[in-house]
């Protein structure tokens, strides 16, 4: 139970930091900001394990999670512009 709540809180913080660091107006609500942070962490974990930076059960760092979320924000902005 606390693991899920911790994931949501950390995802929200990572999403907020990613939105603050990336220039531009990203109109996302609280839920989408949280989803962005969680997805950024998952992306950073996937890339880190694939590149050999992290072990299978190693936690992903804050910086990697924020960078993953910024990458997702850039992709979201590109897709949104084309639509």
Protein backbone atom coordinates (compact mmCIF):
# COMPACT_ATOMS: atom_id res chain seq x y z
CA UNK A 1 0.00 0.00 0.00
CA UNK A 2 2.72 2.48 0.97
CA UNK A 3 4.75 1.48 -2.06
CA UNK A 4 1.94 2.54 -4.39
CA UNK A 5 1.42 5.82 -2.53
CA UNK A 6 5.17 6.46 -2.56
CA UNK A 7 5.28 5.84 -6.31
CA UNK A 8 2.44 8.30 -6.86
CA UNK A 9 4.04 11.01 -4.70
CA UNK A 10 7.47 10.58 -6.30
CA UNK A 11 5.87 10.52 -9.76
CA UNK A 12 4.07 13.77 -9.01
CA UNK A 13 7.27 15.46 -7.80
CA UNK A 14 9.24 14.22 -10.82
CA UNK A 15 6.46 15.40 -13.16
CA UNK A 16 6.42 18.85 -11.55
CA UNK A 17 10.18 19.19 -11.78
CA UNK A 18 10.21 18.06 -15.43
CA UNK A 19 7.49 20.57 -16.31
CA UNK A 20 9.40 23.33 -14.50
CA UNK A 21 12.70 22.55 -16.23
CA UNK A 22 11.34 22.19 -19.77
CA UNK A 23 10.56 25.55 -21.36
CA UNK A 24 7.13 26.06 -22.82
CA UNK A 25 3.54 25.89 -21.73
CA UNK A 26 2.56 22.30 -20.99
CA UNK A 27 -1.09 22.29 -20.01
CA UNK A 28 -1.32 19.14 -17.91
CA UNK A 29 -3.45 18.55 -14.86
CA UNK A 30 -2.43 16.92 -11.60
CA UNK A 31 -3.18 13.39 -12.75
CA UNK A 32 -1.33 13.75 -16.06
CA UNK A 33 1.63 15.33 -14.26
CA UNK A 34 1.76 12.31 -11.96
CA UNK A 35 1.45 9.90 -14.89
CA UNK A 36 4.22 11.82 -16.66
CA UNK A 37 6.55 11.44 -13.69
CA UNK A 38 5.83 7.73 -13.27
CA UNK A 39 6.25 7.09 -17.01
CA UNK A 40 9.50 9.09 -17.01
CA UNK A 41 10.83 6.91 -14.22
CA UNK A 42 9.82 3.77 -16.09
CA UNK A 43 11.48 5.05 -19.26
CA UNK A 44 14.68 5.89 -17.36
CA UNK A 45 14.68 2.43 -15.77
CA UNK A 46 14.16 0.69 -19.10
CA UNK A 47 16.95 2.64 -20.81
CA UNK A 48 19.27 2.26 -17.82
CA UNK A 49 18.83 -1.52 -17.65
CA UNK A 50 19.20 -1.84 -21.43
CA UNK A 51 22.44 0.18 -21.37
CA UNK A 52 23.79 -1.73 -18.35
CA UNK A 53 23.76 1.28 -16.01
CA UNK A 54 21.31 -0.28 -13.55
CA UNK A 55 20.89 -3.81 -12.29
CA UNK A 56 17.52 -5.57 -12.57
CA UNK A 57 16.43 -4.54 -9.06
CA UNK A 58 18.33 -1.27 -8.68
CA UNK A 59 16.28 1.89 -8.10
CA UNK A 60 16.39 4.66 -10.66
CA UNK A 61 17.75 8.02 -9.51
CA UNK A 62 15.89 11.30 -9.40
CA UNK A 63 17.91 12.90 -12.18
CA UNK A 64 17.36 9.99 -14.55
CA UNK A 65 13.64 10.04 -13.78
CA UNK A 66 13.39 13.77 -14.48
CA UNK A 67 15.33 13.39 -17.74
CA UNK A 68 12.98 10.55 -18.76
CA UNK A 69 9.97 12.74 -18.01
CA UNK A 70 11.43 15.65 -20.01
CA UNK A 71 11.97 13.32 -22.97
CA UNK A 72 8.33 12.27 -22.75
CA UNK A 73 7.25 15.93 -22.56
CA UNK A 74 9.22 16.73 -25.72
CA UNK A 75 7.65 13.77 -27.53
CA UNK A 76 4.20 14.84 -26.29
CA UNK A 77 4.82 18.37 -27.60
CA UNK A 78 5.87 17.09 -31.02
CA UNK A 79 2.84 14.83 -31.31
CA UNK A 80 0.51 17.58 -30.12
CA UNK A 81 1.88 20.05 -32.71
CA UNK A 82 1.24 17.64 -35.57
CA UNK A 83 -2.31 16.90 -34.47
